[in-house]
Amino acid sequence: METSAIQSIKLAIVAATGLSKDALHIYVGLAVFLAAAAVLRKPLRSNVPWLVVVGIAITVEVLDMRDDVASLGYLRWGASLHDILNTLFWPTVFLLLAKFGIFFHASSDRNA
């Protein structure tokens, strides 16, 4: 069975970076979270950047699942869940830390 364009791109990124697919999910999730916050001018405590990551993670997994059905004939739910959790882990940690004020205090919150 022929590799889809999406899978070919992902394999090329893995080859170019030398990182595992799991590591790439982690880096991409965090990069998308920070980029979405910057581009949308939202604080890290906002749900909006996190939701952007959720949307991208789900979209990529839907495409992966489509490829799984085409090439394997079945869905790999466990692998998809694993990828989504890897992608969302650090954005979720940053969101919670920012929401609860553990890190990333606003300048008005500091007593200098």
PDB file of N, CA and C in Angstrom:
ATOM      1  N   MET A   1       0.850  -1.180   0.000  1.00  0.00           N
ATOM      2  CA  MET A   1       0.000   0.000   0.000  1.00  0.00           C
ATOM      3  C   MET A   1       0.889   1.234   0.000  1.00  0.00           C
ATOM      4  N   GLU A   2       0.482   2.244  -0.734  1.00  0.00           N
ATOM      5  CA  GLU A   2       1.229   3.487  -0.878  1.00  0.00           C
ATOM      6  C   GLU A   2       1.059   4.381   0.350  1.00  0.00           C
ATOM      7  N   THR A   3       2.153   5.055   0.736  1.00  0.00           N
ATOM      8  CA  THR A   3       2.112   5.975   1.873  1.00  0.00           C
ATOM      9  C   THR A   3       1.422   7.267   1.438  1.00  0.00           C
ATOM     10  N   SER A   4       0.515   7.780   2.282  1.00  0.00           N
ATOM     11  CA  SER A   4      -0.194   9.015   1.945  1.00  0.00           C
ATOM     12  C   SER A   4       0.761  10.198   2.017  1.00  0.00           C
ATOM     13  N   ALA A   5       0.343  11.302   1.422  1.00  0.00           N
ATOM     14  CA  ALA A   5       1.161  12.521   1.436  1.00  0.00           C
ATOM     15  C   ALA A   5       1.401  12.994   2.866  1.00  0.00           C
ATOM     16  N   ILE A   6       0.393  12.900   3.696  1.00  0.00           N
ATOM     17  CA  ILE A   6       0.524  13.342   5.089  1.00  0.00           C
ATOM     18  C   ILE A   6       1.547  12.489   5.826  1.00  0.00           C
ATOM     19  N   GLN A   7       1.458  11.182   5.654  1.00  0.00           N
ATOM     20  CA  GLN A   7       2.418  10.296   6.313  1.00  0.00           C
ATOM     21  C   GLN A   7       3.827  10.506   5.772  1.00  0.00           C
ATOM     22  N   SER A   8       3.949  10.783   4.487  1.00  0.00           N
ATOM     23  CA  SER A   8       5.259  11.053   3.892  1.00  0.00           C
ATOM     24  C   SER A   8       5.878  12.310   4.495  1.00  0.00           C
ATOM     25  N   ILE A   9       5.062  13.338   4.682  1.00  0.00           N
ATOM     26  CA  ILE A   9       5.547  14.578   5.298  1.00  0.00           C
ATOM     27  C   ILE A   9       5.996  14.317   6.726  1.00  0.00           C
ATOM     28  N   LYS A  10       5.183  13.587   7.480  1.00  0.00           N
ATOM     29  CA  LYS A  10       5.541  13.279   8.869  1.00  0.00           C
ATOM     30  C   LYS A  10       6.836  12.467   8.937  1.00  0.00           C
ATOM     31  N   LEU A  11       6.990  11.492   8.060  1.00  0.00           N
ATOM     32  CA  LEU A  11       8.214  10.686   8.038  1.00  0.00           C
ATOM     33  C   LEU A  11       9.427  11.534   7.656  1.00  0.00           C
ATOM     34  N   ALA A  12       9.239  12.483   6.747  1.00  0.00           N
ATOM     35  CA  ALA A  12      10.338  13.373   6.363  1.00  0.00           C
ATOM     36  C   ALA A  12      10.757  14.260   7.531  1.00  0.00           C
ATOM     37  N   ILE A  13       9.785  14.734   8.311  1.00  0.00           N
ATOM     38  CA  ILE A  13      10.096  15.557   9.486  1.00  0.00           C
ATOM     39  C   ILE A  13      10.851  14.731  10.518  1.00  0.00           C
ATOM     40  N   VAL A  14      10.411  13.505  10.744  1.00  0.00           N
ATOM     41  CA  VAL A  14      11.106  12.614  11.682  1.00  0.00           C
ATOM     42  C   VAL A  14      12.542  12.390  11.223  1.00  0.00           C
ATOM     43  N   ALA A  15      12.733  12.135   9.935  1.00  0.00           N
ATOM     44  CA  ALA A  15      14.071  11.896   9.392  1.00  0.00           C
ATOM     45  C   ALA A  15      14.935  13.152   9.487  1.00  0.00           C
ATOM     46  N   ALA A  16      14.355  14.315   9.201  1.00  0.00           N
ATOM     47  CA  ALA A  16      15.124  15.563   9.204  1.00  0.00           C
ATOM     48  C   ALA A  16      15.536  15.987  10.606  1.00  0.00           C
ATOM     49  N   THR A  17      14.668  15.746  11.590  1.00  0.00           N
ATOM     50  CA  THR A  17      14.966  16.199  12.953  1.00  0.00           C
ATOM     51  C   THR A  17      15.705  15.152  13.780  1.00  0.00           C
ATOM     52  N   GLY A  18      15.539  13.891  13.438  1.00  0.00           N
ATOM     53  CA  GLY A  18      16.143  12.831  14.235  1.00  0.00           C
ATOM     54  C   GLY A  18      15.387  12.565  15.527  1.00  0.00           C
ATOM     55  N   LEU A  19      14.208  13.166  15.659  1.00  0.00           N
ATOM     56  CA  LEU A  19      13.397  12.982  16.858  1.00  0.00           C
ATOM     57  C   LEU A  19      12.379  11.870  16.637  1.00  0.00           C
ATOM     58  N   SER A  20      11.932  11.282  17.732  1.00  0.00           N
ATOM     59  CA  SER A  20      10.883  10.272  17.628  1.00  0.00           C
ATOM     60  C   SER A  20       9.546  10.962  17.361  1.00  0.00           C
ATOM     61  N   LYS A  21       8.575  10.177  16.917  1.00  0.00           N
ATOM     62  CA  LYS A  21       7.237  10.737  16.692  1.00  0.00           C
ATOM     63  C   LYS A  21       6.644  11.260  17.994  1.00  0.00           C
ATOM     64  N   ASP A  22       6.891  10.563  19.098  1.00  0.00           N
ATOM     65  CA  ASP A  22       6.389  11.023  20.395  1.00  0.00           C
ATOM     66  C   ASP A  22       6.984  12.383  20.756  1.00  0.00           C
ATOM     67  N   ALA A  23       8.281  12.528  20.572  1.00  0.00           N
ATOM     68  CA  ALA A  23       8.931  13.802  20.884  1.00  0.00           C
ATOM     69  C   ALA A  23       8.370  14.914  20.001  1.00  0.00           C
ATOM     70  N   LEU A  24       8.141  14.617  18.742  1.00  0.00           N
ATOM     71  CA  LEU A  24       7.588  15.634  17.848  1.00  0.00           C
ATOM     72  C   LEU A  24       6.190  16.061  18.282  1.00  0.00           C
ATOM     73  N   HIS A  25       5.378  15.135  18.742  1.00  0.00           N
ATOM     74  CA  HIS A  25       4.047  15.500  19.243  1.00  0.00           C
ATOM     75  C   HIS A  25       4.184  16.466  20.423  1.00  0.00           C
ATOM     76  N   ILE A  26       5.113  16.188  21.304  1.00  0.00           N
ATOM     77  CA  ILE A  26       5.316  17.040  22.474  1.00  0.00           C
ATOM     78  C   ILE A  26       5.778  18.432  22.051  1.00  0.00           C
ATOM     79  N   TYR A  27       6.782  18.498  21.184  1.00  0.00           N
ATOM     80  CA  TYR A  27       7.302  19.796  20.732  1.00  0.00           C
ATOM     81  C   TYR A  27       6.260  20.578  19.945  1.00  0.00           C
ATOM     82  N   VAL A  28       5.558  19.907  19.055  1.00  0.00           N
ATOM     83  CA  VAL A  28       4.546  20.595  18.236  1.00  0.00           C
ATOM     84  C   VAL A  28       3.425  21.123  19.120  1.00  0.00           C
ATOM     85  N   GLY A  29       2.982  20.329  20.082  1.00  0.00           N
ATOM     86  CA  GLY A  29       1.922  20.788  20.984  1.00  0.00           C
ATOM     87  C   GLY A  29       2.319  22.043  21.729  1.00  0.00           C
ATOM     88  N   LEU A  30       3.517  22.054  22.270  1.00  0.00           N
ATOM     89  CA  LEU A  30       3.975  23.220  23.016  1.00  0.00           C
ATOM     90  C   LEU A  30       4.191  24.413  22.090  1.00  0.00           C
ATOM     91  N   ALA A  31       4.772  24.186  20.924  1.00  0.00           N
ATOM     92  CA  ALA A  31       5.009  25.275  19.972  1.00  0.00           C
ATOM     93  C   ALA A  31       3.693  25.886  19.491  1.00  0.00           C
ATOM     94  N   VAL A  32       2.707  25.050  19.193  1.00  0.00           N
ATOM     95  CA  VAL A  32       1.405  25.560  18.749  1.00  0.00           C
ATOM     96  C   VAL A  32       0.747  26.348  19.869  1.00  0.00           C
ATOM     97  N   PHE A  33       0.827  25.862  21.090  1.00  0.00           N
ATOM     98  CA  PHE A  33       0.244  26.556  22.241  1.00  0.00           C
ATOM     99  C   PHE A  33       0.846  27.950  22.398  1.00  0.00           C
ATOM    100  N   LEU A  34       2.174  28.029  22.391  1.00  0.00           N
ATOM    101  CA  LEU A  34       2.847  29.324  22.566  1.00  0.00           C
ATOM    102  C   LEU A  34       2.610  30.238  21.368  1.00  0.00           C
ATOM    103  N   ALA A  35       2.640  29.679  20.163  1.00  0.00           N
ATOM    104  CA  ALA A  35       2.402  30.488  18.965  1.00  0.00           C
ATOM    105  C   ALA A  35       0.961  31.013  18.934  1.00  0.00           C
ATOM    106  N   ALA A  36       0.003  30.165  19.297  1.00  0.00           N
ATOM    107  CA  ALA A  36      -1.401  30.600  19.315  1.00  0.00           C
ATOM    108  C   ALA A  36      -1.602  31.717  20.329  1.00  0.00           C
ATOM    109  N   ALA A  37      -0.979  31.597  21.490  1.00  0.00           N
ATOM    110  CA  ALA A  37      -1.088  32.653  22.504  1.00  0.00           C
ATOM    111  C   ALA A  37      -0.505  33.961  21.973  1.00  0.00           C
ATOM    112  N   ALA A  38       0.641  33.879  21.306  1.00  0.00           N
ATOM    113  CA  ALA A  38       1.288  35.082  20.789  1.00  0.00           C
ATOM    114  C   ALA A  38       0.494  35.695  19.633  1.00  0.00           C
ATOM    115  N   VAL A  39       0.123  34.878  18.670  1.00  0.00           N
ATOM    116  CA  VAL A  39      -0.581  35.377  17.482  1.00  0.00           C
ATOM    117  C   VAL A  39      -1.962  35.931  17.844  1.00  0.00           C
ATOM    118  N   LEU A  40      -2.661  35.231  18.715  1.00  0.00           N
ATOM    119  CA  LEU A  40      -4.009  35.654  19.105  1.00  0.00           C
ATOM    120  C   LEU A  40      -3.989  36.673  20.243  1.00  0.00           C
ATOM    121  N   ARG A  41      -2.787  36.954  20.756  1.00  0.00           N
ATOM    122  CA  ARG A  41      -2.597  37.914  21.857  1.00  0.00           C
ATOM    123  C   ARG A  41      -3.450  37.545  23.073  1.00  0.00           C
ATOM    124  N   LYS A  42      -3.350  36.270  23.419  1.00  0.00           N
ATOM    125  CA  LYS A  42      -4.072  35.755  24.577  1.00  0.00           C
ATOM    126  C   LYS A  42      -3.056  35.361  25.643  1.00  0.00           C
ATOM    127  N   PRO A  43      -3.391  35.541  26.912  1.00  0.00           N
ATOM    128  CA  PRO A  43      -2.482  35.086  27.961  1.00  0.00           C
ATOM    129  C   PRO A  43      -2.470  33.562  28.031  1.00  0.00           C
ATOM    130  N   LEU A  44      -1.428  33.022  28.614  1.00  0.00           N
ATOM    131  CA  LEU A  44      -1.328  31.561  28.728  1.00  0.00           C
ATOM    132  C   LEU A  44      -2.438  30.978  29.589  1.00  0.00           C
ATOM    133  N   ARG A  45      -3.051  31.788  30.438  1.00  0.00           N
ATOM    134  CA  ARG A  45      -4.147  31.289  31.276  1.00  0.00           C
ATOM    135  C   ARG A  45      -5.479  31.216  30.514  1.00  0.00           C
ATOM    136  N   SER A  46      -5.502  31.751  29.289  1.00  0.00           N
ATOM    137  CA  SER A  46      -6.706  31.685  28.455  1.00  0.00           C
ATOM    138  C   SER A  46      -6.862  30.269  27.896  1.00  0.00           C
ATOM    139  N   ASN A  47      -8.107  29.845  27.770  1.00  0.00           N
ATOM    140  CA  ASN A  47      -8.374  28.531  27.184  1.00  0.00           C
ATOM    141  C   ASN A  47      -8.178  28.509  25.672  1.00  0.00           C
ATOM    142  N   VAL A  48      -8.160  29.668  25.043  1.00  0.00           N
ATOM    143  CA  VAL A  48      -8.131  29.740  23.583  1.00  0.00           C
ATOM    144  C   VAL A  48      -6.893  29.078  22.985  1.00  0.00           C
ATOM    145  N   PRO A  49      -5.668  29.406  23.425  1.00  0.00           N
ATOM    146  CA  PRO A  49      -4.506  28.715  22.834  1.00  0.00           C
ATOM    147  C   PRO A  49      -4.553  27.201  23.046  1.00  0.00           C
ATOM    148  N   TRP A  50      -5.026  26.779  24.206  1.00  0.00           N
ATOM    149  CA  TRP A  50      -5.131  25.342  24.486  1.00  0.00           C
ATOM    150  C   TRP A  50      -6.135  24.691  23.530  1.00  0.00           C
ATOM    151  N   LEU A  51      -7.240  25.382  23.268  1.00  0.00           N
ATOM    152  CA  LEU A  51      -8.240  24.841  22.349  1.00  0.00           C
ATOM    153  C   LEU A  51      -7.714  24.770  20.922  1.00  0.00           C
ATOM    154  N   VAL A  52      -6.830  25.680  20.545  1.00  0.00           N
ATOM    155  CA  VAL A  52      -6.193  25.604  19.227  1.00  0.00           C
ATOM    156  C   VAL A  52      -5.385  24.312  19.137  1.00  0.00           C
ATOM    157  N   VAL A  53      -4.643  23.994  20.191  1.00  0.00           N
ATOM    158  CA  VAL A  53      -3.858  22.754  20.216  1.00  0.00           C
ATOM    159  C   VAL A  53      -4.780  21.544  20.134  1.00  0.00           C
ATOM    160  N   VAL A  54      -5.865  21.565  20.882  1.00  0.00           N
ATOM    161  CA  VAL A  54      -6.837  20.457  20.843  1.00  0.00           C
ATOM    162  C   VAL A  54      -7.351  20.264  19.417  1.00  0.00           C
ATOM    163  N   GLY A  55      -7.724  21.361  18.777  1.00  0.00           N
ATOM    164  CA  GLY A  55      -8.249  21.282  17.414  1.00  0.00           C
ATOM    165  C   GLY A  55      -7.246  20.714  16.434  1.00  0.00           C
ATOM    166  N   ILE A  56      -6.004  21.161  16.527  1.00  0.00           N
ATOM    167  CA  ILE A  56      -4.971  20.655  15.625  1.00  0.00           C
ATOM    168  C   ILE A  56      -4.666  19.191  15.919  1.00  0.00           C
ATOM    169  N   ALA A  57      -4.568  18.829  17.197  1.00  0.00           N
ATOM    170  CA  ALA A  57      -4.279  17.436  17.560  1.00  0.00           C
ATOM    171  C   ALA A  57      -5.361  16.496  17.050  1.00  0.00           C
ATOM    172  N   ILE A  58      -6.611  16.888  17.209  1.00  0.00           N
ATOM    173  CA  ILE A  58      -7.707  16.040  16.752  1.00  0.00           C
ATOM    174  C   ILE A  58      -7.724  15.958  15.230  1.00  0.00           C
ATOM    175  N   THR A  59      -7.493  17.083  14.560  1.00  0.00           N
ATOM    176  CA  THR A  59      -7.471  17.083  13.096  1.00  0.00           C
ATOM    177  C   THR A  59      -6.395  16.147  12.556  1.00  0.00           C
ATOM    178  N   VAL A  60      -5.199  16.234  13.125  1.00  0.00           N
ATOM    179  CA  VAL A  60      -4.099  15.375  12.671  1.00  0.00           C
ATOM    180  C   VAL A  60      -4.420  13.908  12.940  1.00  0.00           C
ATOM    181  N   GLU A  61      -5.020  13.627  14.080  1.00  0.00           N
ATOM    182  CA  GLU A  61      -5.357  12.235  14.393  1.00  0.00           C
ATOM    183  C   GLU A  61      -6.467  11.692  13.511  1.00  0.00           C
ATOM    184  N   VAL A  62      -7.414  12.537  13.144  1.00  0.00           N
ATOM    185  CA  VAL A  62      -8.461  12.094  12.214  1.00  0.00           C
ATOM    186  C   VAL A  62      -7.825  11.718  10.876  1.00  0.00           C
ATOM    187  N   LEU A  63      -6.861  12.531  10.420  1.00  0.00           N
ATOM    188  CA  LEU A  63      -6.155  12.208   9.182  1.00  0.00           C
ATOM    189  C   LEU A  63      -5.356  10.913   9.326  1.00  0.00           C
ATOM    190  N   ASP A  64      -4.708  10.733  10.473  1.00  0.00           N
ATOM    191  CA  ASP A  64      -3.970   9.488  10.728  1.00  0.00           C
ATOM    192  C   ASP A  64      -4.912   8.282  10.749  1.00  0.00           C
ATOM    193  N   MET A  65      -6.066   8.458  11.356  1.00  0.00           N
ATOM    194  CA  MET A  65      -7.025   7.356  11.438  1.00  0.00           C
ATOM    195  C   MET A  65      -7.534   6.986  10.044  1.00  0.00           C
ATOM    196  N   ARG A  66      -7.740   8.002   9.215  1.00  0.00           N
ATOM    197  CA  ARG A  66      -8.163   7.730   7.838  1.00  0.00           C
ATOM    198  C   ARG A  66      -7.090   6.908   7.119  1.00  0.00           C
ATOM    199  N   ASP A  67      -5.819   7.276   7.331  1.00  0.00           N
ATOM    200  CA  ASP A  67      -4.724   6.521   6.730  1.00  0.00           C
ATOM    201  C   ASP A  67      -4.650   5.101   7.289  1.00  0.00           C
ATOM    202  N   ASP A  68      -4.908   4.953   8.601  1.00  0.00           N
ATOM    203  CA  ASP A  68      -4.897   3.613   9.207  1.00  0.00           C
ATOM    204  C   ASP A  68      -5.938   2.710   8.562  1.00  0.00           C
ATOM    205  N   VAL A  69      -7.131   3.231   8.357  1.00  0.00           N
ATOM    206  CA  VAL A  69      -8.192   2.431   7.745  1.00  0.00           C
ATOM    207  C   VAL A  69      -7.807   2.060   6.313  1.00  0.00           C
ATOM    208  N   ALA A  70      -7.228   3.023   5.586  1.00  0.00           N
ATOM    209  CA  ALA A  70      -6.851   2.765   4.194  1.00  0.00           C
ATOM    210  C   ALA A  70      -5.717   1.755   4.090  1.00  0.00           C
ATOM    211  N   SER A  71      -4.729   1.847   4.999  1.00  0.00           N
ATOM    212  CA  SER A  71      -3.563   0.972   4.873  1.00  0.00           C
ATOM    213  C   SER A  71      -3.665  -0.303   5.699  1.00  0.00           C
ATOM    214  N   LEU A  72      -4.287  -0.233   6.869  1.00  0.00           N
ATOM    215  CA  LEU A  72      -4.353  -1.393   7.759  1.00  0.00           C
ATOM    216  C   LEU A  72      -5.728  -2.068   7.766  1.00  0.00           C
ATOM    217  N   GLY A  73      -6.759  -1.289   7.439  1.00  0.00           N
ATOM    218  CA  GLY A  73      -8.107  -1.829   7.451  1.00  0.00           C
ATOM    219  C   GLY A  73      -8.812  -1.692   8.787  1.00  0.00           C
ATOM    220  N   TYR A  74      -8.177  -1.021   9.747  1.00  0.00           N
ATOM    221  CA  TYR A  74      -8.797  -0.826  11.058  1.00  0.00           C
ATOM    222  C   TYR A  74      -8.223   0.426  11.720  1.00  0.00           C
ATOM    223  N   LEU A  75      -8.922   0.882  12.755  1.00  0.00           N
ATOM    224  CA  LEU A  75      -8.482   2.057  13.507  1.00  0.00           C
ATOM    225  C   LEU A  75      -7.568   1.630  14.649  1.00  0.00           C
ATOM    226  N   ARG A  76      -6.580   2.454  14.924  1.00  0.00           N
ATOM    227  CA  ARG A  76      -5.693   2.218  16.068  1.00  0.00           C
ATOM    228  C   ARG A  76      -6.008   3.265  17.133  1.00  0.00           C
ATOM    229  N   TRP A  77      -7.090   3.011  17.877  1.00  0.00           N
ATOM    230  CA  TRP A  77      -7.568   3.976  18.867  1.00  0.00           C
ATOM    231  C   TRP A  77      -6.519   4.280  19.922  1.00  0.00           C
ATOM    232  N   GLY A  78      -5.823   3.266  20.380  1.00  0.00           N
ATOM    233  CA  GLY A  78      -4.810   3.463  21.408  1.00  0.00           C
ATOM    234  C   GLY A  78      -3.686   4.377  20.946  1.00  0.00           C
ATOM    235  N   ALA A  79      -3.231   4.179  19.723  1.00  0.00           N
ATOM    236  CA  ALA A  79      -2.162   5.021  19.179  1.00  0.00           C
ATOM    237  C   ALA A  79      -2.637   6.457  19.018  1.00  0.00           C
ATOM    238  N   SER A  80      -3.869   6.647  18.590  1.00  0.00           N
ATOM    239  CA  SER A  80      -4.406   7.998  18.425  1.00  0.00           C
ATOM    240  C   SER A  80      -4.551   8.701  19.768  1.00  0.00           C
ATOM    241  N   LEU A  81      -5.057   7.998  20.759  1.00  0.00           N
ATOM    242  CA  LEU A  81      -5.188   8.581  22.096  1.00  0.00           C
ATOM    243  C   LEU A  81      -3.813   8.935  22.656  1.00  0.00           C
ATOM    244  N   HIS A  82      -2.847   8.061  22.465  1.00  0.00           N
ATOM    245  CA  HIS A  82      -1.477   8.293  22.918  1.00  0.00           C
ATOM    246  C   HIS A  82      -0.916   9.577  22.283  1.00  0.00           C
ATOM    247  N   ASP A  83      -1.119   9.737  20.988  1.00  0.00           N
ATOM    248  CA  ASP A  83      -0.624  10.924  20.291  1.00  0.00           C
ATOM    249  C   ASP A  83      -1.297  12.196  20.790  1.00  0.00           C
ATOM    250  N   ILE A  84      -2.610  12.138  20.995  1.00  0.00           N
ATOM    251  CA  ILE A  84      -3.332  13.318  21.481  1.00  0.00           C
ATOM    252  C   ILE A  84      -2.861  13.686  22.881  1.00  0.00           C
ATOM    253  N   LEU A  85      -2.684  12.706  23.743  1.00  0.00           N
ATOM    254  CA  LEU A  85      -2.209  12.993  25.103  1.00  0.00           C
ATOM    255  C   LEU A  85      -0.794  13.565  25.093  1.00  0.00           C
ATOM    256  N   ASN A  86       0.083  13.033  24.246  1.00  0.00           N
ATOM    257  CA  ASN A  86       1.431  13.589  24.127  1.00  0.00           C
ATOM    258  C   ASN A  86       1.386  15.039  23.655  1.00  0.00           C
ATOM    259  N   THR A  87       0.531  15.326  22.703  1.00  0.00           N
ATOM    260  CA  THR A  87       0.435  16.668  22.147  1.00  0.00           C
ATOM    261  C   THR A  87      -0.115  17.657  23.176  1.00  0.00           C
ATOM    262  N   LEU A  88      -1.044  17.218  24.000  1.00  0.00           N
ATOM    263  CA  LEU A  88      -1.705  18.114  24.951  1.00  0.00           C
ATOM    264  C   LEU A  88      -1.035  18.209  26.313  1.00  0.00           C
ATOM    265  N   PHE A  89      -0.073  17.345  26.610  1.00  0.00           N
ATOM    266  CA  PHE A  89       0.468  17.307  27.964  1.00  0.00           C
ATOM    267  C   PHE A  89       1.031  18.654  28.415  1.00  0.00           C
ATOM    268  N   TRP A  90       2.057  19.169  27.736  1.00  0.00           N
ATOM    269  CA  TRP A  90       2.693  20.412  28.191  1.00  0.00           C
ATOM    270  C   TRP A  90       1.807  21.634  28.030  1.00  0.00           C
ATOM    271  N   PRO A  91       1.023  21.758  26.962  1.00  0.00           N
ATOM    272  CA  PRO A  91       0.084  22.880  26.936  1.00  0.00           C
ATOM    273  C   PRO A  91      -0.886  22.864  28.121  1.00  0.00           C
ATOM    274  N   THR A  92      -1.320  21.671  28.525  1.00  0.00           N
ATOM    275  CA  THR A  92      -2.219  21.562  29.671  1.00  0.00           C
ATOM    276  C   THR A  92      -1.506  21.963  30.954  1.00  0.00           C
ATOM    277  N   VAL A  93      -0.259  21.527  31.128  1.00  0.00           N
ATOM    278  CA  VAL A  93       0.517  21.901  32.314  1.00  0.00           C
ATOM    279  C   VAL A  93       0.690  23.414  32.367  1.00  0.00           C
ATOM    280  N   PHE A  94       1.105  24.031  31.244  1.00  0.00           N
ATOM    281  CA  PHE A  94       1.291  25.482  31.219  1.00  0.00           C
ATOM    282  C   PHE A  94      -0.018  26.212  31.503  1.00  0.00           C
ATOM    283  N   LEU A  95      -1.117  25.748  30.924  1.00  0.00           N
ATOM    284  CA  LEU A  95      -2.418  26.376  31.153  1.00  0.00           C
ATOM    285  C   LEU A  95      -2.784  26.331  32.632  1.00  0.00           C
ATOM    286  N   LEU A  96      -2.636  25.181  33.257  1.00  0.00           N
ATOM    287  CA  LEU A  96      -2.991  25.047  34.671  1.00  0.00           C
ATOM    288  C   LEU A  96      -2.074  25.867  35.569  1.00  0.00           C
ATOM    289  N   LEU A  97      -0.790  25.869  35.274  1.00  0.00           N
ATOM    290  CA  LEU A  97       0.138  26.681  36.060  1.00  0.00           C
ATOM    291  C   LEU A  97      -0.205  28.161  35.939  1.00  0.00           C
ATOM    292  N   ALA A  98      -0.545  28.594  34.743  1.00  0.00           N
ATOM    293  CA  ALA A  98      -0.892  29.998  34.533  1.00  0.00           C
ATOM    294  C   ALA A  98      -2.226  30.342  35.193  1.00  0.00           C
ATOM    295  N   LYS A  99      -3.204  29.451  35.099  1.00  0.00           N
ATOM    296  CA  LYS A  99      -4.522  29.712  35.691  1.00  0.00           C
ATOM    297  C   LYS A  99      -4.457  29.817  37.209  1.00  0.00           C
ATOM    298  N   PHE A 100      -3.635  28.966  37.809  1.00  0.00           N
ATOM    299  CA  PHE A 100      -3.567  28.956  39.263  1.00  0.00           C
ATOM    300  C   PHE A 100      -2.465  29.849  39.808  1.00  0.00           C
ATOM    301  N   GLY A 101      -1.817  30.593  38.914  1.00  0.00           N
ATOM    302  CA  GLY A 101      -0.846  31.594  39.333  1.00  0.00           C
ATOM    303  C   GLY A 101       0.432  31.038  39.904  1.00  0.00           C
ATOM    304  N   ILE A 102       0.738  29.789  39.637  1.00  0.00           N
ATOM    305  CA  ILE A 102       1.956  29.189  40.167  1.00  0.00           C
ATOM    306  C   ILE A 102       3.167  29.783  39.451  1.00  0.00           C
ATOM    307  N   PHE A 103       3.041  29.968  38.166  1.00  0.00           N
ATOM    308  CA  PHE A 103       4.049  30.630  37.346  1.00  0.00           C
ATOM    309  C   PHE A 103       3.319  31.623  36.442  1.00  0.00           C
ATOM    310  N   PHE A 104       4.060  32.396  35.721  1.00  0.00           N
ATOM    311  CA  PHE A 104       3.497  33.294  34.721  1.00  0.00           C
ATOM    312  C   PHE A 104       2.567  34.338  35.324  1.00  0.00           C
ATOM    313  N   HIS A 105       2.941  34.897  36.492  1.00  0.00           N
ATOM    314  CA  HIS A 105       2.119  35.938  37.110  1.00  0.00           C
ATOM    315  C   HIS A 105       2.058  37.154  36.205  1.00  0.00           C
ATOM    316  N   ALA A 106       0.909  37.796  36.217  1.00  0.00           N
ATOM    317  CA  ALA A 106       0.793  39.073  35.527  1.00  0.00           C
ATOM    318  C   ALA A 106       1.611  40.105  36.279  1.00  0.00           C
ATOM    319  N   SER A 107       2.094  41.112  35.586  1.00  0.00           N
ATOM    320  CA  SER A 107       2.954  42.110  36.221  1.00  0.00           C
ATOM    321  C   SER A 107       2.265  42.822  37.375  1.00  0.00           C
ATOM    322  N   SER A 108       0.945  42.966  37.330  1.00  0.00           N
ATOM    323  CA  SER A 108       0.215  43.624  38.418  1.00  0.00           C
ATOM    324  C   SER A 108       0.106  42.727  39.647  1.00  0.00           C
ATOM    325  N   ASP A 109       0.364  41.442  39.503  1.00  0.00           N
ATOM    326  CA  ASP A 109       0.287  40.504  40.621  1.00  0.00           C
ATOM    327  C   ASP A 109       1.560  40.472  41.447  1.00  0.00           C
ATOM    328  N   ARG A 110       2.642  41.001  40.912  1.00  0.00           N
ATOM    329  CA  ARG A 110       3.933  40.907  41.599  1.00  0.00           C
ATOM    330  C   ARG A 110       4.101  42.029  42.608  1.00  0.00           C
ATOM    331  N   ASN A 111       4.673  41.680  43.728  1.00  0.00           N
ATOM    332  CA  ASN A 111       5.013  42.659  44.756  1.00  0.00           C
ATOM    333  C   ASN A 111       6.517  42.824  44.774  1.00  0.00           C
ATOM    334  N   ALA A 112       7.005  43.769  43.993  1.00  0.00           N
ATOM    335  CA  ALA A 112       8.460  43.915  43.875  1.00  0.00           C
ATOM    336  C   ALA A 112       8.979  44.956  44.814  1.00  0.00           C
TER     337      ALA A 112
END
